[in-house]
Amino acid sequence: MVYITRIERFNAAHKLWVDKWSEEHNRKVFGKCSNKNWHGHNYTLHVTIKGRPDPDTGFIMDVKKLSTLIISEVIEHLDHSNLNLDVEFIPKGMQPTTENLVLVIWDRLKEPIEQANCQLHAIKLWETDTIYAEYYGESF
């Protein structure tokens, strides 16, 4: 099996907050991420696919087409958005944490990548230089 990764970037704002909690408790649990005026991140998204290279092209998938797919299915929706309010594929009430974002991004990309005769192997999303989440499609 051969693996190839495409990297894309987006900027977005969010707030981590539980309505039934007090402002003090939200601040204790979420720290600065509970800022009532939101805050933003410069995210870096790694999408890894796997498969057998085509005997003619040598590609698992043309990475330009993979980029176009990632941009149309994910980046155009997330870039310069408010993750709590603006993105239709993030369920209302879901905390827009990096951990939850890798799950919804996986769901957006799995089927279109399979239609291109590849398999989605991993989603890795960097929120900061020191924090990222990964998802490999395992069920809970």
Protein backbone atom coordinates (compact mmCIF):
# COMPACT_ATOMS: atom_id res chain seq x y z
CA MET A 1 0.00 0.00 0.00
CA VAL A 2 1.28 3.48 -0.89
CA TYR A 3 0.32 6.59 1.08
CA ILE A 4 0.35 10.20 -0.09
CA THR A 5 -0.59 13.32 1.86
CA ARG A 6 -1.95 16.63 0.63
CA ILE A 7 -1.69 19.66 2.92
CA GLU A 8 -4.15 22.56 2.83
CA ARG A 9 -4.65 25.51 5.17
CA PHE A 10 -7.56 27.56 6.44
CA ASN A 11 -8.29 30.23 9.03
CA ALA A 12 -11.36 30.11 11.23
CA ALA A 13 -12.83 31.39 14.48
CA HIS A 14 -14.60 29.46 17.20
CA LYS A 15 -15.59 29.47 20.84
CA LEU A 16 -15.72 26.52 23.20
CA TRP A 17 -18.66 27.00 25.50
CA VAL A 18 -21.38 24.99 27.27
CA ASP A 19 -24.54 27.07 27.73
CA LYS A 20 -25.70 25.27 30.87
CA TRP A 21 -22.42 26.11 32.63
CA SER A 22 -21.54 29.40 34.27
CA GLU A 23 -19.03 31.74 32.66
CA GLU A 24 -16.63 30.86 35.47
CA HIS A 25 -16.94 27.12 34.84
CA ASN A 26 -16.54 27.57 31.08
CA ARG A 27 -13.40 29.63 31.70
CA LYS A 28 -12.08 26.96 34.09
CA VAL A 29 -12.62 24.15 31.56
CA PHE A 30 -11.87 25.91 28.26
CA GLY A 31 -9.59 28.77 29.31
CA LYS A 32 -9.08 31.44 26.64
CA CYS A 33 -11.00 29.27 24.17
CA SER A 34 -14.19 30.32 25.98
CA ASN A 35 -13.70 33.99 25.05
CA LYS A 36 -17.21 35.38 24.51
CA ASN A 37 -15.90 37.37 21.52
CA TRP A 38 -14.48 34.26 19.81
CA HIS A 39 -10.88 33.59 18.84
CA GLY A 40 -9.19 32.25 15.74
CA HIS A 41 -6.63 29.76 14.50
CA ASN A 42 -4.55 29.23 11.40
CA TYR A 43 -5.26 25.53 10.80
CA THR A 44 -3.15 23.15 8.75
CA LEU A 45 -4.98 20.11 7.36
CA HIS A 46 -3.19 16.93 6.27
CA VAL A 47 -5.26 14.49 4.19
CA THR A 48 -3.58 11.11 3.62
CA ILE A 49 -4.93 8.67 1.07
CA LYS A 50 -3.74 5.18 0.24
CA GLY A 51 -3.89 2.84 -2.69
CA ARG A 52 -1.96 1.21 -5.49
CA PRO A 53 -0.34 3.53 -8.04
CA ASP A 54 -1.94 3.48 -11.46
CA PRO A 55 0.36 1.58 -13.87
CA ASP A 56 0.18 4.38 -16.46
CA THR A 57 0.30 7.57 -14.37
CA GLY A 58 2.10 6.28 -11.28
CA PHE A 59 -0.47 8.16 -9.18
CA ILE A 60 -2.70 6.83 -6.43
CA MET A 61 -4.73 9.94 -7.27
CA ASP A 62 -3.69 13.08 -9.09
CA VAL A 63 -2.76 15.37 -6.16
CA LYS A 64 -4.10 18.41 -8.02
CA LYS A 65 -7.50 16.69 -8.16
CA LEU A 66 -7.16 15.73 -4.49
CA SER A 67 -6.45 19.37 -3.67
CA THR A 68 -9.49 20.52 -5.65
CA LEU A 69 -11.64 17.98 -3.80
CA ILE A 70 -10.38 19.05 -0.36
CA ILE A 71 -10.89 22.70 -1.21
CA SER A 72 -14.44 22.23 -2.52
CA GLU A 73 -15.62 19.84 0.20
CA VAL A 74 -13.84 21.34 3.22
CA ILE A 75 -11.73 24.47 2.84
CA GLU A 76 -14.32 26.63 1.06
CA HIS A 77 -16.71 25.94 3.94
CA LEU A 78 -14.28 26.39 6.83
CA ASP A 79 -11.93 29.15 5.67
CA HIS A 80 -12.66 32.53 7.27
CA SER A 81 -15.77 31.15 8.96
CA ASN A 82 -17.12 31.01 12.46
CA LEU A 83 -17.07 27.26 13.17
CA ASN A 84 -19.86 27.59 15.75
CA LEU A 85 -22.25 29.41 13.42
CA ASP A 86 -21.37 29.28 9.74
CA VAL A 87 -20.58 25.69 8.69
CA GLU A 88 -23.60 23.58 7.72
CA PHE A 89 -21.82 20.23 8.15
CA ILE A 90 -20.77 20.93 11.75
CA PRO A 91 -23.78 19.81 13.81
CA LYS A 92 -25.38 22.53 15.90
CA GLY A 93 -24.23 22.21 19.49
CA MET A 94 -21.08 20.25 18.62
CA GLN A 95 -18.00 21.78 20.21
CA PRO A 96 -15.78 22.82 17.27
CA THR A 97 -12.67 21.30 18.83
CA THR A 98 -9.84 19.98 16.73
CA GLU A 99 -10.90 16.47 17.80
CA ASN A 100 -14.44 16.96 16.48
CA LEU A 101 -13.29 18.73 13.32
CA VAL A 102 -11.23 15.74 12.16
CA LEU A 103 -14.38 13.61 12.44
CA VAL A 104 -16.56 15.92 10.34
CA ILE A 105 -13.78 16.45 7.79
CA TRP A 106 -13.41 12.66 7.48
CA ASP A 107 -17.13 12.37 6.82
CA ARG A 108 -16.92 15.04 4.10
CA LEU A 109 -14.02 13.40 2.26
CA LYS A 110 -14.44 9.64 2.66
CA GLU A 111 -17.02 9.02 -0.07
CA PRO A 112 -15.59 11.36 -2.75
CA ILE A 113 -12.13 9.85 -2.27
CA GLU A 114 -13.54 6.32 -2.55
CA GLN A 115 -15.29 7.38 -5.77
CA ALA A 116 -11.81 8.21 -7.10
CA ASN A 117 -10.78 4.57 -6.43
CA CYS A 118 -8.67 5.45 -3.39
CA GLN A 119 -9.05 5.05 0.33
CA LEU A 120 -8.94 7.79 2.91
CA HIS A 121 -6.26 6.78 5.40
CA ALA A 122 -5.93 9.69 7.85
CA ILE A 123 -6.99 13.22 8.65
CA LYS A 124 -4.55 15.26 10.71
CA LEU A 125 -5.53 18.79 11.73
CA TRP A 126 -3.04 21.17 13.33
CA GLU A 127 -4.73 23.87 15.41
CA THR A 128 -1.46 25.41 16.63
CA ASP A 129 2.21 24.56 16.32
CA THR A 130 1.86 22.36 19.41
CA ILE A 131 -1.64 20.84 19.10
CA TYR A 132 -3.07 18.53 16.46
CA ALA A 133 -5.65 15.76 16.24
CA GLU A 134 -5.59 12.69 13.99
CA TYR A 135 -8.33 10.34 12.86
CA TYR A 136 -7.97 7.05 10.99
CA GLY A 137 -11.62 6.15 10.55
CA GLU A 138 -11.85 3.76 13.49
CA SER A 139 -15.27 3.44 15.07
CA PHE A 140 -15.72 4.13 18.75
